[in-house]
N, C-alpha and C. Protein backbone atom coordinates (compact mmCIF):
# COMPACT_ATOMS: atom_id res chain seq x y z
N MET A 1 94.12 101.93 99.42
CA MET A 1 92.72 103.00 99.94
C MET A 1 91.91 103.24 98.36
N HIS A 2 90.95 103.24 98.75
CA HIS A 2 89.83 103.13 97.51
C HIS A 2 89.74 104.96 97.24
N LYS A 3 88.98 104.44 95.83
CA LYS A 3 88.74 106.29 95.27
C LYS A 3 87.84 106.48 96.04
N SER A 4 87.91 108.02 96.32
CA SER A 4 86.69 108.66 97.08
C SER A 4 86.76 110.19 95.95
N GLY A 5 86.00 110.62 96.43
CA GLY A 5 85.21 112.10 95.33
C GLY A 5 86.74 112.70 95.10
N VAL A 6 86.92 112.16 93.98
CA VAL A 6 88.58 112.73 93.17
C VAL A 6 87.80 113.99 92.49
N SER A 7 88.51 115.12 92.95
CA SER A 7 88.47 116.19 91.67
C SER A 7 89.92 116.49 90.95
N GLN A 8 90.15 116.34 90.10
CA GLN A 8 91.34 117.19 89.10
C GLN A 8 91.76 118.41 89.50
N THR A 9 91.23 118.78 90.02
CA THR A 9 91.75 120.33 90.52
C THR A 9 92.40 119.96 91.73
N GLN A 10 92.38 118.75 92.70
CA GLN A 10 93.34 118.36 94.02
C GLN A 10 94.49 117.79 93.83
N SER A 11 94.83 118.62 94.89
CA SER A 11 97.01 118.11 95.11
C SER A 11 96.65 116.56 95.23
N ALA A 12 97.24 115.97 95.39
CA ALA A 12 97.84 114.65 95.90
C ALA A 12 97.89 114.38 97.30
N SER A 13 98.32 115.95 98.01
CA SER A 13 98.62 115.68 99.41
C SER A 13 97.14 116.13 99.96
N ASP A 14 96.11 116.70 99.36
CA ASP A 14 95.20 117.28 99.53
C ASP A 14 93.92 115.93 99.55
N LEU A 15 94.52 114.65 98.41
CA LEU A 15 93.39 113.27 98.14
C LEU A 15 93.57 112.81 99.50
N ILE A 16 95.48 113.00 99.81
CA ILE A 16 95.30 112.04 101.04
C ILE A 16 94.67 112.48 102.05
N ALA A 17 94.77 113.25 102.65
CA ALA A 17 94.37 114.31 103.37
C ALA A 17 93.15 113.71 103.66
N ASN A 18 92.37 114.08 102.77
CA ASN A 18 90.60 113.19 102.26
C ASN A 18 90.46 112.07 103.23
N ARG A 19 91.28 111.57 102.26
CA ARG A 19 91.00 109.92 102.65
C ARG A 19 91.43 109.41 103.14
N ILE A 20 92.28 110.10 104.47
CA ILE A 20 92.69 109.97 106.12
C ILE A 20 91.66 110.18 106.75
N ALA A 21 90.97 111.85 106.23
CA ALA A 21 89.24 112.06 106.91
C ALA A 21 88.23 111.07 107.29
N GLU A 22 88.22 110.44 105.66
CA GLU A 22 87.05 109.57 105.81
C GLU A 22 87.34 108.50 106.17
N LEU A 23 88.55 108.16 106.63
CA LEU A 23 88.46 106.83 107.42
C LEU A 23 88.42 107.29 109.32
N ALA A 24 87.45 106.91 109.56
CA ALA A 24 87.10 107.88 111.42
C ALA A 24 87.57 106.54 112.05
N ASP A 25 88.26 105.28 111.91
CA ASP A 25 88.69 104.76 112.69
C ASP A 25 90.66 104.79 112.55
N TRP A 26 91.10 103.06 113.25
CA TRP A 26 92.08 103.14 113.24
C TRP A 26 92.56 103.20 112.32
N ARG A 27 92.10 102.74 111.13
CA ARG A 27 92.58 102.60 109.35
C ARG A 27 92.81 104.30 109.34
N GLY A 28 92.16 105.28 109.51
CA GLY A 28 92.76 106.75 109.30
C GLY A 28 93.86 106.93 109.92
N ALA A 29 94.07 106.61 111.24
CA ALA A 29 95.27 107.39 111.95
C ALA A 29 96.35 107.01 111.97
N VAL A 30 95.86 105.24 111.90
CA VAL A 30 97.45 104.85 111.16
C VAL A 30 98.26 105.44 110.21
N PRO A 31 97.84 105.56 109.00
CA PRO A 31 98.10 106.23 107.24
C PRO A 31 98.36 107.80 108.32
N GLY A 32 97.68 108.16 109.01
CA GLY A 32 97.75 109.54 109.50
C GLY A 32 99.64 109.89 109.99
N THR A 33 99.18 109.04 111.05
CA THR A 33 101.07 108.60 111.92
C THR A 33 102.33 108.24 110.95
N LEU A 34 101.42 107.87 109.84
CA LEU A 34 103.14 106.84 109.07
C LEU A 34 103.35 107.93 108.05
N ARG A 35 102.43 109.08 107.50
CA ARG A 35 102.56 110.01 106.68
C ARG A 35 103.39 111.25 107.55
N ILE A 36 102.71 111.04 108.47
CA ILE A 36 104.09 112.38 109.52
C ILE A 36 105.08 111.84 109.32
N LEU A 37 105.44 110.75 110.17
CA LEU A 37 106.80 110.05 110.08
C LEU A 37 107.34 110.63 108.56
N ILE A 38 106.94 109.78 107.83
CA ILE A 38 107.30 109.56 106.34
C ILE A 38 107.82 110.99 106.16
N LYS A 39 107.09 112.31 106.14
CA LYS A 39 107.56 113.71 105.74
C LYS A 39 109.04 114.02 106.91
N ALA A 40 108.71 113.70 108.12
CA ALA A 40 110.01 113.66 109.18
C ALA A 40 111.30 113.15 108.66
N ALA A 41 111.04 111.71 108.57
CA ALA A 41 112.43 111.35 107.82
C ALA A 41 112.72 112.09 106.57
N ASP A 42 111.82 112.26 105.77
CA ASP A 42 112.22 113.13 104.24
C ASP A 42 111.73 114.40 104.14
N PRO A 43 111.94 115.04 104.27
CA PRO A 43 110.90 116.96 104.25
C PRO A 43 110.75 117.18 102.51
N GLU A 44 111.63 116.22 101.97
CA GLU A 44 111.77 116.54 100.72
C GLU A 44 110.40 115.57 99.96
N VAL A 45 110.30 114.86 100.38
CA VAL A 45 109.02 113.96 99.77
C VAL A 45 108.27 113.83 99.23
N VAL A 46 107.73 114.03 98.14
CA VAL A 46 106.43 114.31 97.14
C VAL A 46 105.42 112.62 97.58
N GLU A 47 104.34 113.53 97.22
CA GLU A 47 103.27 113.29 97.85
C GLU A 47 102.44 112.96 96.34
N GLU A 48 101.90 111.32 95.62
CA GLU A 48 101.29 111.55 95.19
C GLU A 48 99.99 110.72 95.08
N TRP A 49 99.16 110.72 94.08
CA TRP A 49 98.02 109.66 94.23
C TRP A 49 97.91 109.16 92.46
N LYS A 50 98.34 107.82 92.81
CA LYS A 50 98.04 106.59 91.63
C LYS A 50 97.33 105.94 91.51
N TRP A 51 97.13 105.07 90.73
CA TRP A 51 96.23 103.93 90.02
C TRP A 51 95.03 103.88 90.64
N ARG A 52 94.55 105.09 90.99
CA ARG A 52 92.90 105.18 91.48
C ARG A 52 92.79 105.03 92.48
N GLY A 53 93.50 105.82 93.15
CA GLY A 53 93.44 106.38 94.91
C GLY A 53 94.66 105.20 95.55
N THR A 54 95.96 105.25 95.21
CA THR A 54 96.78 104.98 96.05
C THR A 54 97.46 105.92 96.59
N PRO A 55 97.53 106.32 97.79
CA PRO A 55 98.72 107.44 97.91
C PRO A 55 100.00 106.33 98.05
N VAL A 56 100.96 107.59 97.54
CA VAL A 56 102.61 107.05 97.30
C VAL A 56 103.48 108.39 97.51
N TRP A 57 104.40 108.10 98.12
CA TRP A 57 105.78 108.38 98.64
C TRP A 57 106.95 108.74 97.96
N SER A 58 107.18 109.57 97.31
CA SER A 58 108.28 109.46 96.26
C SER A 58 109.51 110.63 96.79
N HIS A 59 110.57 109.92 96.11
CA HIS A 59 112.06 111.31 96.30
C HIS A 59 113.22 110.62 95.42
N GLY A 60 112.77 110.94 94.14
CA GLY A 60 113.29 110.34 93.45
C GLY A 60 113.19 109.06 92.57
N GLY A 61 112.08 108.68 92.98
CA GLY A 61 112.07 107.24 92.71
C GLY A 61 110.46 106.80 93.84
N ILE A 62 109.62 106.09 93.56
CA ILE A 62 109.03 105.71 94.71
C ILE A 62 109.70 104.83 95.98
N ILE A 63 109.19 105.73 97.28
CA ILE A 63 110.00 105.11 98.41
C ILE A 63 108.90 103.86 98.95
N CYS A 64 107.50 104.41 98.87
CA CYS A 64 106.63 103.37 99.74
C CYS A 64 105.12 103.86 99.18
N THR A 65 104.30 102.83 98.85
CA THR A 65 102.96 103.35 98.96
C THR A 65 102.11 102.64 99.93
N GLY A 66 100.97 102.99 100.18
CA GLY A 66 99.96 103.28 101.17
C GLY A 66 98.24 102.81 100.90
N GLU A 67 97.85 101.28 101.24
CA GLU A 67 96.73 101.13 101.18
C GLU A 67 96.39 100.67 102.54
N THR A 68 94.84 100.86 102.56
CA THR A 68 94.29 100.46 103.77
C THR A 68 93.08 99.59 103.14
N TYR A 69 92.92 98.14 103.80
CA TYR A 69 92.19 97.01 103.29
C TYR A 69 91.29 97.29 104.97
N GLN A 70 90.39 96.27 104.75
CA GLN A 70 89.49 95.86 105.96
C GLN A 70 90.26 96.05 107.52
N LYS A 71 90.89 94.87 107.66
CA LYS A 71 92.02 94.26 108.39
C LYS A 71 93.30 94.55 108.48
N VAL A 72 94.07 95.67 107.14
CA VAL A 72 94.77 95.96 107.68
C VAL A 72 95.19 96.99 106.57
N VAL A 73 96.43 98.12 107.09
CA VAL A 73 97.17 98.64 106.83
C VAL A 73 98.64 98.51 106.14
N LYS A 74 98.56 98.65 104.78
CA LYS A 74 99.94 97.70 103.79
C LYS A 74 100.70 99.13 103.37
N LEU A 75 102.00 99.10 103.84
CA LEU A 75 103.17 100.16 103.35
C LEU A 75 103.62 99.14 102.52
N THR A 76 104.05 99.06 101.14
CA THR A 76 104.73 98.25 99.99
C THR A 76 105.81 99.69 99.64
N PHE A 77 107.40 99.01 100.27
CA PHE A 77 108.22 99.60 99.57
C PHE A 77 108.44 99.01 98.70
N VAL A 78 108.72 99.75 97.16
CA VAL A 78 108.87 99.27 96.14
C VAL A 78 109.64 98.46 95.79
N LYS A 79 111.08 98.49 95.70
CA LYS A 79 112.18 98.13 95.41
C LYS A 79 112.88 97.85 96.69
N ASP A 80 112.70 97.68 97.65
CA ASP A 80 113.25 97.65 98.62
C ASP A 80 113.86 96.13 99.39
N ALA A 81 114.25 95.44 98.57
CA ALA A 81 114.01 93.68 99.90
C ALA A 81 115.27 93.94 100.25
N SER A 82 116.24 94.87 99.32
CA SER A 82 117.85 94.90 99.92
C SER A 82 117.95 95.59 100.75
N LEU A 83 116.93 96.66 101.30
CA LEU A 83 116.97 97.57 102.72
C LEU A 83 117.60 96.40 104.13
N SER A 84 117.96 97.05 104.68
CA SER A 84 118.74 96.37 105.61
C SER A 84 117.24 96.66 106.77
N ASP A 85 116.85 96.17 107.73
CA ASP A 85 115.24 96.20 108.72
C ASP A 85 116.15 95.36 110.19
N PRO A 86 117.12 95.67 110.65
CA PRO A 86 117.12 95.02 111.89
C PRO A 86 115.97 94.83 112.87
N ALA A 87 114.92 96.26 112.56
CA ALA A 87 113.87 96.06 113.48
C ALA A 87 112.66 95.30 113.37
N ARG A 88 112.89 94.63 111.99
CA ARG A 88 111.88 93.70 111.31
C ARG A 88 110.59 94.18 111.62
N LEU A 89 110.62 95.16 110.71
CA LEU A 89 109.39 95.82 110.32
C LEU A 89 109.09 94.88 109.63
N PHE A 90 109.52 94.85 108.28
CA PHE A 90 108.75 94.04 107.53
C PHE A 90 108.00 93.06 107.68
N ASN A 91 107.15 92.59 107.49
CA ASN A 91 106.21 91.23 107.47
C ASN A 91 105.45 90.65 106.62
N ALA A 92 105.59 91.10 105.62
CA ALA A 92 104.57 90.64 104.56
C ALA A 92 105.45 90.67 103.06
N SER A 93 104.98 90.08 101.44
CA SER A 93 105.67 90.45 100.67
C SER A 93 107.33 89.79 100.98
N LEU A 94 108.10 89.34 102.38
CA LEU A 94 109.21 88.26 102.39
C LEU A 94 109.69 88.21 101.49
N ASP A 95 108.86 87.21 100.18
CA ASP A 95 109.23 86.08 99.30
C ASP A 95 109.93 87.04 97.88
N GLY A 96 109.33 88.30 97.88
CA GLY A 96 109.52 89.38 96.94
C GLY A 96 111.02 89.86 96.43
N LYS A 97 111.05 89.49 94.96
CA LYS A 97 112.62 89.70 94.93
C LYS A 97 113.33 91.19 94.51
N ALA A 98 112.14 92.00 94.64
CA ALA A 98 112.58 93.54 95.02
C ALA A 98 111.44 94.38 96.08
N ARG A 99 110.14 94.13 96.35
CA ARG A 99 109.36 94.68 97.17
C ARG A 99 108.91 93.71 98.53
N ARG A 100 109.08 94.84 99.34
CA ARG A 100 108.58 94.16 100.78
C ARG A 100 107.50 95.03 101.39
N ALA A 101 106.96 94.57 102.43
CA ALA A 101 105.80 95.49 103.15
C ALA A 101 105.39 95.05 104.26
N ILE A 102 104.94 96.24 105.29
CA ILE A 102 104.62 96.42 106.51
C ILE A 102 103.04 96.63 106.70
N ASP A 103 102.24 94.81 106.62
CA ASP A 103 100.91 95.19 107.47
C ASP A 103 100.93 95.33 108.57
N ILE A 104 100.33 96.13 108.69
CA ILE A 104 99.75 97.06 110.74
C ILE A 104 97.93 96.62 110.52
N HIS A 105 98.12 95.95 111.80
CA HIS A 105 96.95 95.86 112.66
C HIS A 105 96.14 96.51 113.51
N GLU A 106 95.23 96.53 113.83
CA GLU A 106 94.62 97.69 114.50
C GLU A 106 95.03 96.92 115.73
N GLY A 107 95.93 97.82 116.43
CA GLY A 107 96.72 97.95 117.44
C GLY A 107 97.94 97.31 117.91
N ASP A 108 98.68 97.73 116.42
CA ASP A 108 99.86 97.22 116.65
C ASP A 108 100.67 98.32 116.88
N GLU A 109 101.73 98.32 117.42
CA GLU A 109 102.91 99.53 117.49
C GLU A 109 103.68 99.71 116.47
N MET A 110 104.61 100.61 116.19
CA MET A 110 105.48 100.96 115.45
C MET A 110 107.02 101.03 115.88
N ASP A 111 107.37 100.97 115.39
CA ASP A 111 109.03 101.42 116.11
C ASP A 111 109.05 102.60 115.31
N GLU A 112 108.75 104.06 115.41
CA GLU A 112 108.76 104.89 114.63
C GLU A 112 110.23 105.39 114.00
N SER A 113 111.36 104.95 114.92
CA SER A 113 113.23 105.77 114.37
C SER A 113 113.13 104.56 113.49
N ALA A 114 113.06 102.96 113.42
CA ALA A 114 113.01 102.21 112.92
C ALA A 114 112.52 102.62 111.63
N PHE A 115 111.47 103.09 111.46
CA PHE A 115 110.39 103.75 110.83
C PHE A 115 110.90 104.70 109.33
N LYS A 116 111.70 105.70 110.07
CA LYS A 116 112.30 106.63 109.62
C LYS A 116 113.27 105.90 109.05
N ALA A 117 114.24 105.17 109.52
CA ALA A 117 115.32 104.71 108.99
C ALA A 117 115.06 104.06 107.72
N LEU A 118 113.98 103.48 107.82
CA LEU A 118 114.02 102.45 106.46
C LEU A 118 113.28 103.96 105.41
N VAL A 119 112.60 104.81 105.55
CA VAL A 119 112.27 105.99 104.75
C VAL A 119 113.57 106.30 104.42
N ARG A 120 114.40 106.32 104.78
CA ARG A 120 116.19 107.39 104.95
C ARG A 120 116.42 106.41 103.95
N GLN A 121 116.65 105.29 104.14
CA GLN A 121 117.37 103.94 103.15
C GLN A 121 116.83 104.10 102.17
N ALA A 122 115.34 104.11 101.59
CA ALA A 122 114.58 103.67 100.77
C ALA A 122 115.11 104.88 99.56
N VAL A 123 115.09 106.40 100.14
CA VAL A 123 115.87 107.89 99.49
C VAL A 123 116.34 107.17 99.21
N THR A 124 118.27 106.81 99.44
CA THR A 124 119.32 107.04 99.28
C THR A 124 119.07 106.26 98.25
N LEU A 125 118.74 104.50 98.85
CA LEU A 125 118.57 103.92 97.31
C LEU A 125 118.25 104.52 95.77
N ASN A 126 117.22 105.69 95.92
CA ASN A 126 116.68 105.81 94.69
C ASN A 126 117.88 106.91 93.94
N ARG A 127 118.54 107.31 95.69
CA ARG A 127 119.44 108.41 94.31
C ARG A 127 120.10 108.05 94.13
N SER A 128 121.05 106.41 94.96
CA SER A 128 122.17 105.50 94.29
C SER A 128 121.33 105.27 92.86
N ASP A 129 120.15 104.96 92.36
CA ASP A 129 120.16 105.02 90.49
C ASP A 129 120.02 105.58 90.19
N HIS A 130 120.05 107.05 90.68
CA HIS A 130 119.92 108.48 89.14
C HIS A 130 121.53 108.96 89.66
N PRO A 131 122.21 109.35 88.44
CA PRO A 131 123.21 109.60 88.81
C PRO A 131 123.22 111.16 89.13
N VAL A 132 123.90 111.77 89.84
CA VAL A 132 124.29 112.86 90.50
C VAL A 132 124.99 114.14 90.44
N SER A 133 124.93 114.80 89.80
CA SER A 133 126.21 116.58 89.87
C SER A 133 126.87 116.19 90.98
N SER A 134 128.18 116.46 90.57
CA SER A 134 128.94 116.97 92.22
C SER A 134 128.27 118.36 92.53
N ASN A 135 128.13 119.09 91.67
CA ASN A 135 127.35 120.57 92.42
C ASN A 135 126.32 119.93 93.55
N GLU A 136 124.97 118.47 92.90
CA GLU A 136 124.17 118.11 94.29
C GLU A 136 125.12 117.77 95.23
N VAL A 137 125.99 116.82 95.24
CA VAL A 137 126.81 116.59 96.07
C VAL A 137 127.37 117.44 96.73
N ALA A 138 128.37 118.32 96.80
CA ALA A 138 128.56 119.62 97.76
C ALA A 138 127.64 120.38 98.06
N SER A 139 126.69 120.32 97.39
CA SER A 139 125.65 121.17 98.30
C SER A 139 124.53 120.61 99.35
N GLN A 140 124.63 118.81 99.03
CA GLN A 140 123.67 118.36 100.27
C GLN A 140 125.40 117.70 101.56
N GLY A 141 126.33 118.38 101.17
CA GLY A 141 127.34 117.92 102.19
C GLY A 141 127.58 116.03 102.50
N THR A 142 128.15 115.85 103.75
CA THR A 142 128.52 114.45 104.12
C THR A 142 127.23 113.96 104.22
N ALA A 143 125.83 114.57 104.69
CA ALA A 143 124.79 113.82 104.60
C ALA A 143 123.88 112.91 103.66
N PHE A 144 124.85 113.80 102.64
CA PHE A 144 123.96 112.84 101.49
C PHE A 144 124.65 111.27 100.99
N LEU A 145 125.96 111.31 101.56
CA LEU A 145 126.96 110.55 101.40
C LEU A 145 127.02 109.39 102.38
N SER A 146 126.39 109.47 103.89
CA SER A 146 125.77 108.58 104.16
C SER A 146 124.60 108.03 104.04
């Protein structure tokens, strides 16, 4: 995504919403839908605005970044080459040792259930990289362990 009229006082969530609104065509609709799916998959997701205007979704580390180009919306899962992708959503950067991406073109359909599963896996992977106290495990219940 390109840098727009950025104010130092705007939150990352506001900046992402503004950028989506600026893109009045499919390139705004797709990230808007994906943003909703990411939040549904992980209600604790943190939205960030990095690298001169790139939306980033994080939870214990980066889940994915979102960029819009003329002919594609690209979601890059930064360290997720180890994620299971039975629905074969990943279709770009497949040779990467750490990252893989989903390129979405105008008119493409997204398997929403499979996408949310990828987001949840990325969060689990991030959590496995950060030691968690026994109190956190107990408060999360079995869902944290699955």
